[in-house]
PDB file of N, CA and C in Angstrom:
ATOM      1  N   MET A   1     137.322  92.010  67.332  1.00  0.00           N
ATOM      2  CA  MET A   1     136.388  91.767  66.772  1.00  0.00           C
ATOM      3  C   MET A   1     135.924  90.508  67.613  1.00  0.00           C
ATOM      4  N   THR A   2     134.660  90.155  67.952  1.00  0.00           N
ATOM      5  CA  THR A   2     134.547  88.515  68.335  1.00  0.00           C
ATOM      6  C   THR A   2     133.104  88.263  67.422  1.00  0.00           C
ATOM      7  N   VAL A   3     133.500  87.442  66.873  1.00  0.00           N
ATOM      8  CA  VAL A   3     132.139  86.705  66.302  1.00  0.00           C
ATOM      9  C   VAL A   3     131.676  85.137  67.050  1.00  0.00           C
ATOM     10  N   TYR A   4     130.553  85.302  67.167  1.00  0.00           N
ATOM     11  CA  TYR A   4     129.702  84.222  68.031  1.00  0.00           C
ATOM     12  C   TYR A   4     128.131  84.064  67.687  1.00  0.00           C
ATOM     13  N   LYS A   5     128.098  82.682  67.548  1.00  0.00           N
ATOM     14  CA  LYS A   5     126.796  82.297  67.405  1.00  0.00           C
ATOM     15  C   LYS A   5     126.015  82.314  68.664  1.00  0.00           C
ATOM     16  N   ALA A   6     125.031  83.189  68.556  1.00  0.00           N
ATOM     17  CA  ALA A   6     123.894  83.767  69.434  1.00  0.00           C
ATOM     18  C   ALA A   6     122.935  82.799  69.456  1.00  0.00           C
ATOM     19  N   ASP A   7     122.339  82.352  68.253  1.00  0.00           N
ATOM     20  CA  ASP A   7     121.370  81.231  68.352  1.00  0.00           C
ATOM     21  C   ASP A   7     121.290  80.394  67.018  1.00  0.00           C
ATOM     22  N   ARG A   8     120.732  79.300  66.691  1.00  0.00           N
ATOM     23  CA  ARG A   8     120.503  78.417  65.641  1.00  0.00           C
ATOM     24  C   ARG A   8     120.695  79.287  63.915  1.00  0.00           C
ATOM     25  N   ASN A   9     120.110  80.486  64.174  1.00  0.00           N
ATOM     26  CA  ASN A   9     120.282  80.939  62.616  1.00  0.00           C
ATOM     27  C   ASN A   9     120.711  82.428  63.020  1.00  0.00           C
ATOM     28  N   LYS A  10     121.270  82.467  64.112  1.00  0.00           N
ATOM     29  CA  LYS A  10     121.996  83.891  64.404  1.00  0.00           C
ATOM     30  C   LYS A  10     123.209  84.203  64.757  1.00  0.00           C
ATOM     31  N   ILE A  11     123.860  85.003  63.992  1.00  0.00           N
ATOM     32  CA  ILE A  11     125.384  85.095  64.246  1.00  0.00           C
ATOM     33  C   ILE A  11     125.813  86.692  64.631  1.00  0.00           C
ATOM     34  N   LYS A  12     126.628  86.706  65.939  1.00  0.00           N
ATOM     35  CA  LYS A  12     126.634  88.299  66.195  1.00  0.00           C
ATOM     36  C   LYS A  12     128.244  88.751  66.068  1.00  0.00           C
ATOM     37  N   ILE A  13     128.350  89.693  65.796  1.00  0.00           N
ATOM     38  CA  ILE A  13     130.028  90.386  65.710  1.00  0.00           C
ATOM     39  C   ILE A  13     129.847  91.484  66.436  1.00  0.00           C
ATOM     40  N   ALA A  14     130.836  91.585  67.480  1.00  0.00           N
ATOM     41  CA  ALA A  14     130.962  92.487  68.782  1.00  0.00           C
ATOM     42  C   ALA A  14     131.993  93.294  68.069  1.00  0.00           C
ATOM     43  N   LEU A  15     132.080  94.631  68.060  1.00  0.00           N
ATOM     44  CA  LEU A  15     133.080  95.463  67.718  1.00  0.00           C
ATOM     45  C   LEU A  15     133.399  96.342  69.114  1.00  0.00           C
ATOM     46  N   SER A  16     134.547  96.401  69.759  1.00  0.00           N
ATOM     47  CA  SER A  16     135.014  97.202  70.636  1.00  0.00           C
ATOM     48  C   SER A  16     134.927  98.707  70.083  1.00  0.00           C
ATOM     49  N   ASP A  17     134.735  99.682  71.133  1.00  0.00           N
ATOM     50  CA  ASP A  17     134.943 100.990  70.811  1.00  0.00           C
ATOM     51  C   ASP A  17     136.244 101.517  69.970  1.00  0.00           C
ATOM     52  N   SER A  18     137.122 100.693  70.292  1.00  0.00           N
ATOM     53  CA  SER A  18     138.665 101.213  69.372  1.00  0.00           C
ATOM     54  C   SER A  18     138.264 100.669  67.973  1.00  0.00           C
ATOM     55  N   GLU A  19     137.409  99.251  67.947  1.00  0.00           N
ATOM     56  CA  GLU A  19     137.752  98.681  66.564  1.00  0.00           C
ATOM     57  C   GLU A  19     136.526  99.796  65.661  1.00  0.00           C
ATOM     58  N   VAL A  20     135.513 100.267  66.316  1.00  0.00           N
ATOM     59  CA  VAL A  20     134.627 101.126  65.492  1.00  0.00           C
ATOM     60  C   VAL A  20     134.988 102.468  65.072  1.00  0.00           C
ATOM     61  N   ILE A  21     135.782 102.901  65.665  1.00  0.00           N
ATOM     62  CA  ILE A  21     136.742 103.930  65.523  1.00  0.00           C
ATOM     63  C   ILE A  21     137.606 103.876  64.295  1.00  0.00           C
ATOM     64  N   ALA A  22     138.312 102.582  64.570  1.00  0.00           N
ATOM     65  CA  ALA A  22     139.097 102.160  63.157  1.00  0.00           C
ATOM     66  C   ALA A  22     138.550 102.064  61.915  1.00  0.00           C
ATOM     67  N   PHE A  23     137.063 101.226  61.823  1.00  0.00           N
ATOM     68  CA  PHE A  23     136.548 100.727  60.750  1.00  0.00           C
ATOM     69  C   PHE A  23     135.845 101.850  60.399  1.00  0.00           C
ATOM     70  N   PHE A  24     135.227 102.799  61.109  1.00  0.00           N
ATOM     71  CA  PHE A  24     134.105 103.366  60.468  1.00  0.00           C
ATOM     72  C   PHE A  24     134.647 104.918  60.672  1.00  0.00           C
ATOM     73  N   GLY A  25     135.639 105.624  61.496  1.00  0.00           N
ATOM     74  CA  GLY A  25     136.276 106.829  61.831  1.00  0.00           C
ATOM     75  C   GLY A  25     135.425 107.458  62.899  1.00  0.00           C
ATOM     76  N   SER A  26     133.851 107.004  63.119  1.00  0.00           N
ATOM     77  CA  SER A  26     133.210 107.939  63.840  1.00  0.00           C
ATOM     78  C   SER A  26     131.899 107.108  64.100  1.00  0.00           C
ATOM     79  N   TYR A  27     131.112 107.233  65.013  1.00  0.00           N
ATOM     80  CA  TYR A  27     130.145 106.468  65.333  1.00  0.00           C
ATOM     81  C   TYR A  27     128.940 107.028  64.291  1.00  0.00           C
ATOM     82  N   LYS A  28     128.891 108.181  64.014  1.00  0.00           N
ATOM     83  CA  LYS A  28     128.179 108.889  63.249  1.00  0.00           C
ATOM     84  C   LYS A  28     128.325 108.590  61.816  1.00  0.00           C
ATOM     85  N   ARG A  29     129.440 107.928  61.573  1.00  0.00           N
ATOM     86  CA  ARG A  29     129.217 107.447  60.201  1.00  0.00           C
ATOM     87  C   ARG A  29     128.603 105.737  59.858  1.00  0.00           C
ATOM     88  N   ILE A  30     128.360 105.439  61.181  1.00  0.00           N
ATOM     89  CA  ILE A  30     127.553 104.046  61.280  1.00  0.00           C
ATOM     90  C   ILE A  30     126.024 104.435  60.557  1.00  0.00           C
ATOM     91  N   THR A  31     125.463 105.366  61.044  1.00  0.00           N
ATOM     92  CA  THR A  31     123.928 105.664  60.787  1.00  0.00           C
ATOM     93  C   THR A  31     123.904 106.336  59.371  1.00  0.00           C
ATOM     94  N   ASP A  32     124.951 107.091  58.656  1.00  0.00           N
ATOM     95  CA  ASP A  32     124.465 107.896  57.585  1.00  0.00           C
ATOM     96  C   ASP A  32     124.477 106.948  56.600  1.00  0.00           C
ATOM     97  N   MET A  33     125.142 105.694  56.634  1.00  0.00           N
ATOM     98  CA  MET A  33     124.756 104.389  55.420  1.00  0.00           C
ATOM     99  C   MET A  33     125.271 105.133  54.190  1.00  0.00           C
ATOM    100  N   SER A  34     126.458 105.617  54.155  1.00  0.00           N
ATOM    101  CA  SER A  34     126.818 106.098  52.790  1.00  0.00           C
ATOM    102  C   SER A  34     127.749 104.874  52.216  1.00  0.00           C
ATOM    103  N   GLY A  35     127.936 105.102  50.963  1.00  0.00           N
ATOM    104  CA  GLY A  35     128.664 103.741  50.444  1.00  0.00           C
ATOM    105  C   GLY A  35     129.994 103.313  50.910  1.00  0.00           C
ATOM    106  N   SER A  36     130.651 104.192  51.722  1.00  0.00           N
ATOM    107  CA  SER A  36     131.757 103.709  52.590  1.00  0.00           C
ATOM    108  C   SER A  36     131.168 103.008  53.361  1.00  0.00           C
ATOM    109  N   THR A  37     130.382 103.410  54.114  1.00  0.00           N
ATOM    110  CA  THR A  37     129.596 102.617  55.267  1.00  0.00           C
ATOM    111  C   THR A  37     129.473 101.245  55.068  1.00  0.00           C
ATOM    112  N   ARG A  38     128.507 101.378  53.781  1.00  0.00           N
ATOM    113  CA  ARG A  38     128.071  99.854  53.510  1.00  0.00           C
ATOM    114  C   ARG A  38     129.195  98.782  52.871  1.00  0.00           C
ATOM    115  N   LEU A  39     130.441  99.676  52.533  1.00  0.00           N
ATOM    116  CA  LEU A  39     131.373  98.886  51.985  1.00  0.00           C
ATOM    117  C   LEU A  39     132.085  98.365  53.274  1.00  0.00           C
ATOM    118  N   THR A  40     132.258  99.090  54.310  1.00  0.00           N
ATOM    119  CA  THR A  40     133.102  98.572  55.530  1.00  0.00           C
ATOM    120  C   THR A  40     132.145  97.524  56.071  1.00  0.00           C
ATOM    121  N   VAL A  41     130.641  97.499  56.224  1.00  0.00           N
ATOM    122  CA  VAL A  41     129.940  96.576  56.726  1.00  0.00           C
ATOM    123  C   VAL A  41     129.925  95.283  55.987  1.00  0.00           C
ATOM    124  N   ALA A  42     130.291  95.444  54.858  1.00  0.00           N
ATOM    125  CA  ALA A  42     130.227  94.397  54.049  1.00  0.00           C
ATOM    126  C   ALA A  42     131.594  93.688  54.068  1.00  0.00           C
ATOM    127  N   LEU A  43     132.487  94.236  54.221  1.00  0.00           N
ATOM    128  CA  LEU A  43     133.877  93.664  54.403  1.00  0.00           C
ATOM    129  C   LEU A  43     134.093  93.119  55.882  1.00  0.00           C
ATOM    130  N   ILE A  44     133.662  93.336  56.444  1.00  0.00           N
ATOM    131  CA  ILE A  44     133.452  92.983  58.134  1.00  0.00           C
ATOM    132  C   ILE A  44     132.581  91.680  57.869  1.00  0.00           C
ATOM    133  N   LEU A  45     131.579  91.736  57.445  1.00  0.00           N
ATOM    134  CA  LEU A  45     130.619  90.538  57.377  1.00  0.00           C
ATOM    135  C   LEU A  45     131.234  89.682  56.362  1.00  0.00           C
ATOM    136  N   LYS A  46     131.880  89.971  55.366  1.00  0.00           N
ATOM    137  CA  LYS A  46     132.742  88.977  54.531  1.00  0.00           C
ATOM    138  C   LYS A  46     133.699  87.993  55.052  1.00  0.00           C
ATOM    139  N   GLU A  47     134.359  89.107  56.201  1.00  0.00           N
ATOM    140  CA  GLU A  47     135.692  88.524  56.724  1.00  0.00           C
ATOM    141  C   GLU A  47     135.171  87.752  58.103  1.00  0.00           C
ATOM    142  N   SER A  48     134.129  87.978  58.608  1.00  0.00           N
ATOM    143  CA  SER A  48     133.400  87.599  59.838  1.00  0.00           C
ATOM    144  C   SER A  48     132.820  86.173  59.612  1.00  0.00           C
ATOM    145  N   LEU A  49     132.079  86.041  58.567  1.00  0.00           N
ATOM    146  CA  LEU A  49     130.988  84.690  58.583  1.00  0.00           C
ATOM    147  C   LEU A  49     131.385  83.966  57.558  1.00  0.00           C
ATOM    148  N   SER A  50     132.679  83.871  56.923  1.00  0.00           N
ATOM    149  CA  SER A  50     133.171  82.864  56.342  1.00  0.00           C
ATOM    150  C   SER A  50     133.005  81.916  56.810  1.00  0.00           C
ATOM    151  N   ASP A  51     132.978  81.181  57.832  1.00  0.00           N
ATOM    152  CA  ASP A  51     132.960  80.057  58.751  1.00  0.00           C
ATOM    153  C   ASP A  51     131.478  79.617  58.883  1.00  0.00           C
ATOM    154  N   TYR A  52     130.425  80.561  58.411  1.00  0.00           N
ATOM    155  CA  TYR A  52     128.847  80.320  58.697  1.00  0.00           C
ATOM    156  C   TYR A  52     128.311  80.102  57.450  1.00  0.00           C
ATOM    157  N   ALA A  53     129.089  80.092  56.456  1.00  0.00           N
ATOM    158  CA  ALA A  53     128.407  80.203  55.235  1.00  0.00           C
ATOM    159  C   ALA A  53     127.210  79.415  54.993  1.00  0.00           C
ATOM    160  N   GLU A  54     127.529  78.147  55.206  1.00  0.00           N
ATOM    161  CA  GLU A  54     126.457  76.982  55.011  1.00  0.00           C
ATOM    162  C   GLU A  54     125.326  77.314  55.913  1.00  0.00           C
ATOM    163  N   GLU A  55     125.433  77.766  57.192  1.00  0.00           N
ATOM    164  CA  GLU A  55     124.372  78.103  58.177  1.00  0.00           C
ATOM    165  C   GLU A  55     123.232  79.260  57.802  1.00  0.00           C
ATOM    166  N   LEU A  56     123.815  80.180  56.910  1.00  0.00           N
ATOM    167  CA  LEU A  56     123.117  81.276  56.456  1.00  0.00           C
ATOM    168  C   LEU A  56     123.200  81.343  55.170  1.00  0.00           C
ATOM    169  N   SER A  57     121.772  80.862  54.803  1.00  0.00           N
ATOM    170  CA  SER A  57     121.945  80.425  53.307  1.00  0.00           C
ATOM    171  C   SER A  57     120.759  81.351  52.394  1.00  0.00           C
ATOM    172  N   ASP A  58     119.349  81.497  53.398  1.00  0.00           N
ATOM    173  CA  ASP A  58     118.558  81.939  52.573  1.00  0.00           C
ATOM    174  C   ASP A  58     118.645  83.538  52.665  1.00  0.00           C
ATOM    175  N   ASP A  59     117.309  84.390  52.792  1.00  0.00           N
ATOM    176  CA  ASP A  59     117.318  85.968  52.677  1.00  0.00           C
ATOM    177  C   ASP A  59     118.211  85.954  54.236  1.00  0.00           C
ATOM    178  N   LEU A  60     118.874  87.369  54.230  1.00  0.00           N
ATOM    179  CA  LEU A  60     119.649  87.787  55.356  1.00  0.00           C
ATOM    180  C   LEU A  60     119.088  89.100  55.795  1.00  0.00           C
ATOM    181  N   LEU A  61     118.909  88.980  57.200  1.00  0.00           N
ATOM    182  CA  LEU A  61     119.041  90.798  57.786  1.00  0.00           C
ATOM    183  C   LEU A  61     120.148  90.820  58.611  1.00  0.00           C
ATOM    184  N   VAL A  62     120.286  91.920  58.490  1.00  0.00           N
ATOM    185  CA  VAL A  62     121.783  92.861  58.888  1.00  0.00           C
ATOM    186  C   VAL A  62     121.414  93.678  59.742  1.00  0.00           C
ATOM    187  N   GLU A  63     121.422  93.820  61.131  1.00  0.00           N
ATOM    188  CA  GLU A  63     121.133  94.853  62.230  1.00  0.00           C
ATOM    189  C   GLU A  63     122.354  95.156  62.802  1.00  0.00           C
ATOM    190  N   ILE A  64     122.521  96.582  62.675  1.00  0.00           N
ATOM    191  CA  ILE A  64     123.497  97.131  63.601  1.00  0.00           C
ATOM    192  C   ILE A  64     123.186  97.927  64.744  1.00  0.00           C
ATOM    193  N   ARG A  65     123.553  98.105  65.613  1.00  0.00           N
ATOM    194  CA  ARG A  65     123.384  98.720  67.066  1.00  0.00           C
ATOM    195  C   ARG A  65     124.722  99.182  67.634  1.00  0.00           C
ATOM    196  N   ALA A  66     124.773 100.283  67.874  1.00  0.00           N
ATOM    197  CA  ALA A  66     126.048 101.034  68.211  1.00  0.00           C
ATOM    198  C   ALA A  66     125.629 102.029  69.307  1.00  0.00           C
ATOM    199  N   ARG A  67     125.957 102.177  70.436  1.00  0.00           N
ATOM    200  CA  ARG A  67     125.976 103.231  71.392  1.00  0.00           C
ATOM    201  C   ARG A  67     127.424 103.838  71.444  1.00  0.00           C
ATOM    202  N   GLU A  68     127.684 105.187  71.591  1.00  0.00           N
ATOM    203  CA  GLU A  68     129.087 106.270  71.534  1.00  0.00           C
ATOM    204  C   GLU A  68     129.770 105.413  72.646  1.00  0.00           C
ATOM    205  N   LYS A  69     131.147 104.982  72.620  1.00  0.00           N
ATOM    206  CA  LYS A  69     132.096 104.814  73.596  1.00  0.00           C
ATOM    207  C   LYS A  69     131.787 103.415  73.923  1.00  0.00           C
ATOM    208  N   SER A  70     130.447 102.516  73.348  1.00  0.00           N
ATOM    209  CA  SER A  70     130.587 101.398  73.805  1.00  0.00           C
ATOM    210  C   SER A  70     130.585 100.269  72.949  1.00  0.00           C
ATOM    211  N   GLY A  71     130.834 100.494  71.803  1.00  0.00           N
ATOM    212  CA  GLY A  71     131.120  99.867  70.463  1.00  0.00           C
ATOM    213  C   GLY A  71     129.708  99.498  69.969  1.00  0.00           C
ATOM    214  N   CYS A  72     129.928  98.365  69.188  1.00  0.00           N
ATOM    215  CA  CYS A  72     129.058  97.979  68.237  1.00  0.00           C
ATOM    216  C   CYS A  72     128.473  96.692  68.028  1.00  0.00           C
ATOM    217  N   VAL A  73     127.350  96.185  67.635  1.00  0.00           N
ATOM    218  CA  VAL A  73     126.945  94.944  67.345  1.00  0.00           C
ATOM    219  C   VAL A  73     126.352  94.676  66.149  1.00  0.00           C
ATOM    220  N   ILE A  74     126.782  93.758  65.386  1.00  0.00           N
ATOM    221  CA  ILE A  74     126.237  93.627  64.102  1.00  0.00           C
ATOM    222  C   ILE A  74     125.442  92.279  64.387  1.00  0.00           C
ATOM    223  N   THR A  75     124.293  92.167  64.006  1.00  0.00           N
ATOM    224  CA  THR A  75     123.844  90.919  64.099  1.00  0.00           C
ATOM    225  C   THR A  75     122.917  90.549  62.603  1.00  0.00           C
ATOM    226  N   VAL A  76     123.477  89.284  62.321  1.00  0.00           N
ATOM    227  CA  VAL A  76     123.141  88.611  61.054  1.00  0.00           C
ATOM    228  C   VAL A  76     121.960  87.633  60.998  1.00  0.00           C
ATOM    229  N   SER A  77     121.056  87.398  60.855  1.00  0.00           N
ATOM    230  CA  SER A  77     119.576  86.255  61.006  1.00  0.00           C
ATOM    231  C   SER A  77     119.029  85.964  59.742  1.00  0.00           C
ATOM    232  N   GLN A  78     118.261  85.473  59.583  1.00  0.00           N
ATOM    233  CA  GLN A  78     117.219  84.793  58.816  1.00  0.00           C
ATOM    234  C   GLN A  78     116.260  85.448  58.734  1.00  0.00           C
ATOM    235  N   THR A  79     116.024  86.346  57.654  1.00  0.00           N
ATOM    236  CA  THR A  79     114.930  87.425  57.319  1.00  0.00           C
ATOM    237  C   THR A  79     113.598  87.155  57.878  1.00  0.00           C
ATOM    238  N   GLU A  80     113.268  85.682  57.339  1.00  0.00           N
ATOM    239  CA  GLU A  80     111.863  85.670  57.681  1.00  0.00           C
ATOM    240  C   GLU A  80     111.944  85.451  59.266  1.00  0.00           C
ATOM    241  N   ASN A  81     112.940  84.948  59.967  1.00  0.00           N
ATOM    242  CA  ASN A  81     112.799  84.720  61.633  1.00  0.00           C
ATOM    243  C   ASN A  81     112.977  85.911  62.587  1.00  0.00           C
ATOM    244  N   ARG A  82     113.576  87.170  61.907  1.00  0.00           N
ATOM    245  CA  ARG A  82     114.015  88.158  62.971  1.00  0.00           C
ATOM    246  C   ARG A  82     112.935  89.434  62.503  1.00  0.00           C
ATOM    247  N   ARG A  83     112.229  89.651  61.306  1.00  0.00           N
ATOM    248  CA  ARG A  83     111.823  90.806  61.047  1.00  0.00           C
ATOM    249  C   ARG A  83     110.589  91.321  61.938  1.00  0.00           C
ATOM    250  N   GLN A  84     110.692  92.306  62.899  1.00  0.00           N
ATOM    251  CA  GLN A  84     109.793  92.805  63.694  1.00  0.00           C
ATOM    252  C   GLN A  84     109.460  94.136  63.891  1.00  0.00           C
ATOM    253  N   LYS A  85     108.259  94.441  63.959  1.00  0.00           N
ATOM    254  CA  LYS A  85     107.652  95.719  63.660  1.00  0.00           C
ATOM    255  C   LYS A  85     108.285  96.361  65.121  1.00  0.00           C
ATOM    256  N   THR A  86     108.880  97.314  65.076  1.00  0.00           N
ATOM    257  CA  THR A  86     109.386  98.276  66.409  1.00  0.00           C
ATOM    258  C   THR A  86     109.206  99.940  66.247  1.00  0.00           C
ATOM    259  N   GLU A  87     109.464 100.615  67.328  1.00  0.00           N
ATOM    260  CA  GLU A  87     109.222 102.231  66.934  1.00  0.00           C
ATOM    261  C   GLU A  87     110.538 102.459  66.342  1.00  0.00           C
ATOM    262  N   LYS A  88     111.712 101.792  66.866  1.00  0.00           N
ATOM    263  CA  LYS A  88     112.976 102.237  66.453  1.00  0.00           C
ATOM    264  C   LYS A  88     113.758 102.106  65.385  1.00  0.00           C
ATOM    265  N   THR A  89     114.346 102.732  64.662  1.00  0.00           N
ATOM    266  CA  THR A  89     114.702 102.585  63.329  1.00  0.00           C
ATOM    267  C   THR A  89     116.185 101.756  63.163  1.00  0.00           C
ATOM    268  N   TYR A  90     116.314 100.960  62.498  1.00  0.00           N
ATOM    269  CA  TYR A  90     117.520 100.222  62.123  1.00  0.00           C
ATOM    270  C   TYR A  90     117.716 100.462  60.801  1.00  0.00           C
ATOM    271  N   TYR A  91     118.941 100.483  60.735  1.00  0.00           N
ATOM    272  CA  TYR A  91     119.553 100.321  59.047  1.00  0.00           C
ATOM    273  C   TYR A  91     119.778  98.828  58.957  1.00  0.00           C
ATOM    274  N   CYS A  92     119.211  98.560  58.051  1.00  0.00           N
ATOM    275  CA  CYS A  92     119.069  97.012  57.689  1.00  0.00           C
ATOM    276  C   CYS A  92     119.839  96.874  55.912  1.00  0.00           C
ATOM    277  N   LEU A  93     120.916  95.982  55.989  1.00  0.00           N
ATOM    278  CA  LEU A  93     121.182  95.309  54.676  1.00  0.00           C
ATOM    279  C   LEU A  93     120.789  94.035  54.190  1.00  0.00           C
ATOM    280  N   ASP A  94     120.185  93.878  53.305  1.00  0.00           N
ATOM    281  CA  ASP A  94     119.281  92.003  53.364  1.00  0.00           C
ATOM    282  C   ASP A  94     120.218  91.742  51.623  1.00  0.00           C
ATOM    283  N   PHE A  95     120.465  90.570  51.854  1.00  0.00           N
ATOM    284  CA  PHE A  95     121.846  89.771  51.023  1.00  0.00           C
ATOM    285  C   PHE A  95     120.983  88.411  50.619  1.00  0.00           C
ATOM    286  N   ALA A  96     120.443  88.314  49.394  1.00  0.00           N
ATOM    287  CA  ALA A  96     120.075  86.576  49.504  1.00  0.00           C
ATOM    288  C   ALA A  96     120.587  85.352  49.995  1.00  0.00           C
ATOM    289  N   ASP A  97     122.096  85.573  50.009  1.00  0.00           N
ATOM    290  CA  ASP A  97     123.069  84.456  50.765  1.00  0.00           C
ATOM    291  C   ASP A  97     124.026  84.852  50.825  1.00  0.00           C
ATOM    292  N   PHE A  98     124.958  84.066  51.315  1.00  0.00           N
ATOM    293  CA  PHE A  98     126.603  84.631  51.869  1.00  0.00           C
ATOM    294  C   PHE A  98     127.105  84.889  50.175  1.00  0.00           C
ATOM    295  N   HIS A  99     126.921  84.056  49.218  1.00  0.00           N
ATOM    296  CA  HIS A  99     127.905  84.262  48.227  1.00  0.00           C
ATOM    297  C   HIS A  99     127.407  85.357  47.540  1.00  0.00           C
ATOM    298  N   ASP A 100     126.003  85.924  47.765  1.00  0.00           N
ATOM    299  CA  ASP A 100     125.628  87.543  47.116  1.00  0.00           C
ATOM    300  C   ASP A 100     126.371  88.286  48.039  1.00  0.00           C
ATOM    301  N   LEU A 101     126.435  88.410  49.425  1.00  0.00           N
ATOM    302  CA  LEU A 101     127.099  89.322  50.043  1.00  0.00           C
ATOM    303  C   LEU A 101     128.551  89.436  49.519  1.00  0.00           C
ATOM    304  N   ALA A 102     129.398  88.548  49.457  1.00  0.00           N
ATOM    305  CA  ALA A 102     130.599  88.166  49.311  1.00  0.00           C
ATOM    306  C   ALA A 102     130.724  89.008  47.715  1.00  0.00           C
ATOM    307  N   ASP A 103     130.051  88.806  46.766  1.00  0.00           N
ATOM    308  CA  ASP A 103     130.012  89.318  45.348  1.00  0.00           C
ATOM    309  C   ASP A 103     129.877  90.830  45.274  1.00  0.00           C
ATOM    310  N   GLY A 104     128.748  91.143  46.517  1.00  0.00           N
ATOM    311  CA  GLY A 104     128.467  92.369  46.392  1.00  0.00           C
ATOM    312  C   GLY A 104     129.875  93.318  46.978  1.00  0.00           C
ATOM    313  N   ALA A 105     130.255  92.457  48.114  1.00  0.00           N
ATOM    314  CA  ALA A 105     131.440  93.278  48.774  1.00  0.00           C
ATOM    315  C   ALA A 105     132.507  93.463  47.614  1.00  0.00           C
ATOM    316  N   ALA A 106     132.841  92.378  46.961  1.00  0.00           N
ATOM    317  CA  ALA A 106     134.230  92.579  46.122  1.00  0.00           C
ATOM    318  C   ALA A 106     133.477  93.645  45.024  1.00  0.00           C
ATOM    319  N   ARG A 107     132.281  93.697  44.654  1.00  0.00           N
ATOM    320  CA  ARG A 107     132.140  94.547  43.613  1.00  0.00           C
ATOM    321  C   ARG A 107     132.144  96.141  44.001  1.00  0.00           C
ATOM    322  N   LEU A 108     131.824  96.043  45.258  1.00  0.00           N
ATOM    323  CA  LEU A 108     131.928  97.636  45.920  1.00  0.00           C
ATOM    324  C   LEU A 108     133.074  98.120  46.061  1.00  0.00           C
ATOM    325  N   TYR A 109     134.122  96.984  46.597  1.00  0.00           N
ATOM    326  CA  TYR A 109     135.453  97.292  47.060  1.00  0.00           C
ATOM    327  C   TYR A 109     136.353  97.466  45.523  1.00  0.00           C
ATOM    328  N   LEU A 110     136.044  96.943  44.175  1.00  0.00           N
ATOM    329  CA  LEU A 110     136.769  97.423  43.308  1.00  0.00           C
ATOM    330  C   LEU A 110     136.237  98.595  42.823  1.00  0.00           C
ATOM    331  N   SER A 111     134.842  98.943  43.021  1.00  0.00           N
ATOM    332  CA  SER A 111     134.568 100.102  41.766  1.00  0.00           C
ATOM    333  C   SER A 111     135.279 101.402  42.961  1.00  0.00           C
ATOM    334  N   ARG A 112     135.589 101.233  44.094  1.00  0.00           N
ATOM    335  CA  ARG A 112     136.030 102.235  45.017  1.00  0.00           C
ATOM    336  C   ARG A 112     137.750 102.551  44.771  1.00  0.00           C
ATOM    337  N   LYS A 113     138.282 101.385  44.265  1.00  0.00           N
ATOM    338  CA  LYS A 113     139.674 101.702  43.913  1.00  0.00           C
ATOM    339  C   LYS A 113     140.046 102.824  42.881  1.00  0.00           C
ATOM    340  N   PRO A 114     141.103 103.917  43.494  1.00  0.00           N
ATOM    341  CA  PRO A 114     141.278 104.834  42.566  1.00  0.00           C
ATOM    342  C   PRO A 114     141.831 104.365  41.176  1.00  0.00           C
TER     343      PRO A 114
END
């Protein structure tokens, strides 16, 4: 997993093909956006964005783009700067700020424990 700053208010997380399979099980699970998929994404974001918490403070837009056998790129940016109309459909998770993201991930994780 590679985390890098792509722009002033944009962070990208790149996952290799093997990491996508390890985290999600299959590429199809990324698009179904089930509870376990959302939990996986939230945990990846919590782990990856801890160094950027101060820079990403307002509404966040999370975009996931994956291609079979090519891996996945998760882009996190300020909502007002990135929302665009397009013919493609993307699954997006909006968080008020980094702390809401972390709290939500923790609640999801605790609710899924046996």
